[in-house]
Amino acid sequence: MLRKQNIRNLKTEKAGISILRNLVEGFIVPSKDEKKIL
């Protein structure tokens, strides 16, 4: 059950990111290395 929920959450996250990219000018998702610096 946790695996199904995880997959559902990832799909929701991807959808949210694509919406933000379309609506917010300059919206970026930091790379793995950029996250380490933050």
PDB file of N, CA and C in Angstrom:
ATOM      1  N   MET A   1       0.814  -1.195   0.000  1.00  0.00           N
ATOM      2  CA  MET A   1       0.000   0.000   0.000  1.00  0.00           C
ATOM      3  C   MET A   1       0.860   1.264   0.000  1.00  0.00           C
ATOM      4  N   LEU A   2       1.949   1.271   0.735  1.00  0.00           N
ATOM      5  CA  LEU A   2       2.805   2.449   0.776  1.00  0.00           C
ATOM      6  C   LEU A   2       3.393   2.756  -0.592  1.00  0.00           C
ATOM      7  N   ARG A   3       3.734   1.729  -1.333  1.00  0.00           N
ATOM      8  CA  ARG A   3       4.301   1.940  -2.664  1.00  0.00           C
ATOM      9  C   ARG A   3       3.292   2.632  -3.583  1.00  0.00           C
ATOM     10  N   LYS A   4       2.028   2.201  -3.534  1.00  0.00           N
ATOM     11  CA  LYS A   4       0.990   2.822  -4.361  1.00  0.00           C
ATOM     12  C   LYS A   4       0.803   4.285  -3.983  1.00  0.00           C
ATOM     13  N   GLN A   5       0.822   4.556  -2.696  1.00  0.00           N
ATOM     14  CA  GLN A   5       0.656   5.934  -2.230  1.00  0.00           C
ATOM     15  C   GLN A   5       1.850   6.778  -2.658  1.00  0.00           C
ATOM     16  N   ASN A   6       3.051   6.218  -2.594  1.00  0.00           N
ATOM     17  CA  ASN A   6       4.249   6.926  -3.009  1.00  0.00           C
ATOM     18  C   ASN A   6       4.159   7.296  -4.483  1.00  0.00           C
ATOM     19  N   ILE A   7       3.744   6.351  -5.317  1.00  0.00           N
ATOM     20  CA  ILE A   7       3.612   6.613  -6.748  1.00  0.00           C
ATOM     21  C   ILE A   7       2.567   7.702  -6.986  1.00  0.00           C
ATOM     22  N   ARG A   8       1.457   7.639  -6.268  1.00  0.00           N
ATOM     23  CA  ARG A   8       0.404   8.653  -6.403  1.00  0.00           C
ATOM     24  C   ARG A   8       0.942  10.028  -6.011  1.00  0.00           C
ATOM     25  N   ASN A   9       1.724  10.088  -4.931  1.00  0.00           N
ATOM     26  CA  ASN A   9       2.299  11.357  -4.485  1.00  0.00           C
ATOM     27  C   ASN A   9       3.279  11.906  -5.513  1.00  0.00           C
ATOM     28  N   LEU A  10       4.082  11.042  -6.118  1.00  0.00           N
ATOM     29  CA  LEU A  10       5.029  11.493  -7.130  1.00  0.00           C
ATOM     30  C   LEU A  10       4.310  12.066  -8.343  1.00  0.00           C
ATOM     31  N   LYS A  11       3.218  11.424  -8.755  1.00  0.00           N
ATOM     32  CA  LYS A  11       2.441  11.932  -9.888  1.00  0.00           C
ATOM     33  C   LYS A  11       1.854  13.297  -9.558  1.00  0.00           C
ATOM     34  N   THR A  12       1.361  13.449  -8.342  1.00  0.00           N
ATOM     35  CA  THR A  12       0.795  14.726  -7.910  1.00  0.00           C
ATOM     36  C   THR A  12       1.877  15.796  -7.882  1.00  0.00           C
ATOM     37  N   GLU A  13       3.060  15.436  -7.395  1.00  0.00           N
ATOM     38  CA  GLU A  13       4.170  16.384  -7.333  1.00  0.00           C
ATOM     39  C   GLU A  13       4.575  16.821  -8.732  1.00  0.00           C
ATOM     40  N   LYS A  14       4.676  15.887  -9.664  1.00  0.00           N
ATOM     41  CA  LYS A  14       5.043  16.221 -11.040  1.00  0.00           C
ATOM     42  C   LYS A  14       4.005  17.128 -11.679  1.00  0.00           C
ATOM     43  N   ALA A  15       2.731  16.859 -11.422  1.00  0.00           N
ATOM     44  CA  ALA A  15       1.663  17.704 -11.962  1.00  0.00           C
ATOM     45  C   ALA A  15       1.762  19.113 -11.381  1.00  0.00           C
ATOM     46  N   GLY A  16       2.024  19.206 -10.086  1.00  0.00           N
ATOM     47  CA  GLY A  16       2.156  20.506  -9.439  1.00  0.00           C
ATOM     48  C   GLY A  16       3.328  21.301  -9.977  1.00  0.00           C
ATOM     49  N   ILE A  17       4.434  20.633 -10.233  1.00  0.00           N
ATOM     50  CA  ILE A  17       5.611  21.308 -10.774  1.00  0.00           C
ATOM     51  C   ILE A  17       5.323  21.835 -12.170  1.00  0.00           C
ATOM     52  N   SER A  18       4.656  21.046 -13.005  1.00  0.00           N
ATOM     53  CA  SER A  18       4.352  21.517 -14.359  1.00  0.00           C
ATOM     54  C   SER A  18       3.384  22.700 -14.315  1.00  0.00           C
ATOM     55  N   ILE A  19       2.435  22.689 -13.382  1.00  0.00           N
ATOM     56  CA  ILE A  19       1.516  23.828 -13.239  1.00  0.00           C
ATOM     57  C   ILE A  19       2.287  25.075 -12.822  1.00  0.00           C
ATOM     58  N   LEU A  20       3.176  24.932 -11.841  1.00  0.00           N
ATOM     59  CA  LEU A  20       3.966  26.080 -11.386  1.00  0.00           C
ATOM     60  C   LEU A  20       4.864  26.615 -12.493  1.00  0.00           C
ATOM     61  N   ARG A  21       5.446  25.737 -13.291  1.00  0.00           N
ATOM     62  CA  ARG A  21       6.290  26.188 -14.409  1.00  0.00           C
ATOM     63  C   ARG A  21       5.487  27.017 -15.395  1.00  0.00           C
ATOM     64  N   ASN A  22       4.234  26.644 -15.612  1.00  0.00           N
ATOM     65  CA  ASN A  22       3.389  27.388 -16.550  1.00  0.00           C
ATOM     66  C   ASN A  22       2.892  28.706 -15.971  1.00  0.00           C
ATOM     67  N   LEU A  23       2.643  28.758 -14.676  1.00  0.00           N
ATOM     68  CA  LEU A  23       2.033  29.937 -14.070  1.00  0.00           C
ATOM     69  C   LEU A  23       3.033  30.939 -13.501  1.00  0.00           C
ATOM     70  N   VAL A  24       4.180  30.461 -13.026  1.00  0.00           N
ATOM     71  CA  VAL A  24       5.140  31.337 -12.349  1.00  0.00           C
ATOM     72  C   VAL A  24       6.360  31.530 -13.246  1.00  0.00           C
ATOM     73  N   GLU A  25       6.539  32.760 -13.688  1.00  0.00           N
ATOM     74  CA  GLU A  25       7.685  33.053 -14.548  1.00  0.00           C
ATOM     75  C   GLU A  25       8.981  32.897 -13.756  1.00  0.00           C
ATOM     76  N   GLY A  26       9.927  32.175 -14.308  1.00  0.00           N
ATOM     77  CA  GLY A  26      11.209  31.977 -13.651  1.00  0.00           C
ATOM     78  C   GLY A  26      11.227  30.853 -12.627  1.00  0.00           C
ATOM     79  N   PHE A  27      10.158  30.070 -12.553  1.00  0.00           N
ATOM     80  CA  PHE A  27      10.116  28.955 -11.595  1.00  0.00           C
ATOM     81  C   PHE A  27      11.076  27.863 -12.046  1.00  0.00           C
ATOM     82  N   ILE A  28      11.943  27.435 -11.150  1.00  0.00           N
ATOM     83  CA  ILE A  28      12.869  26.344 -11.466  1.00  0.00           C
ATOM     84  C   ILE A  28      12.842  25.324 -10.336  1.00  0.00           C
ATOM     85  N   VAL A  29      13.212  24.115 -10.679  1.00  0.00           N
ATOM     86  CA  VAL A  29      13.365  23.056  -9.681  1.00  0.00           C
ATOM     87  C   VAL A  29      14.864  22.845  -9.520  1.00  0.00           C
ATOM     88  N   PRO A  30      15.401  23.030  -8.320  1.00  0.00           N
ATOM     89  CA  PRO A  30      16.841  22.882  -8.132  1.00  0.00           C
ATOM     90  C   PRO A  30      17.305  21.450  -8.387  1.00  0.00           C
ATOM     91  N   SER A  31      18.509  21.349  -8.927  1.00  0.00           N
ATOM     92  CA  SER A  31      19.097  20.032  -9.157  1.00  0.00           C
ATOM     93  C   SER A  31      19.554  19.452  -7.819  1.00  0.00           C
ATOM     94  N   LYS A  32      19.996  18.217  -7.861  1.00  0.00           N
ATOM     95  CA  LYS A  32      20.454  17.545  -6.644  1.00  0.00           C
ATOM     96  C   LYS A  32      21.624  18.311  -6.010  1.00  0.00           C
ATOM     97  N   ASP A  33      22.558  18.775  -6.837  1.00  0.00           N
ATOM     98  CA  ASP A  33      23.707  19.520  -6.323  1.00  0.00           C
ATOM     99  C   ASP A  33      23.286  20.876  -5.756  1.00  0.00           C
ATOM    100  N   GLU A  34      22.345  21.539  -6.420  1.00  0.00           N
ATOM    101  CA  GLU A  34      21.872  22.828  -5.926  1.00  0.00           C
ATOM    102  C   GLU A  34      21.169  22.673  -4.583  1.00  0.00           C
ATOM    103  N   LYS A  35      20.468  21.564  -4.392  1.00  0.00           N
ATOM    104  CA  LYS A  35      19.790  21.319  -3.118  1.00  0.00           C
ATOM    105  C   LYS A  35      20.800  21.160  -1.987  1.00  0.00           C
ATOM    106  N   LYS A  36      21.949  20.553  -2.277  1.00  0.00           N
ATOM    107  CA  LYS A  36      22.981  20.380  -1.252  1.00  0.00           C
ATOM    108  C   LYS A  36      23.501  21.733  -0.785  1.00  0.00           C
ATOM    109  N   ILE A  37      23.629  22.678  -1.727  1.00  0.00           N
ATOM    110  CA  ILE A  37      24.133  24.010  -1.395  1.00  0.00           C
ATOM    111  C   ILE A  37      23.111  24.778  -0.568  1.00  0.00           C
ATOM    112  N   LEU A  38      21.834  24.615  -0.919  1.00  0.00           N
ATOM    113  CA  LEU A  38      20.776  25.320  -0.183  1.00  0.00           C
ATOM    114  C   LEU A  38      20.693  24.795   1.232  1.00  0.00           C
TER     115      LEU A  38
END
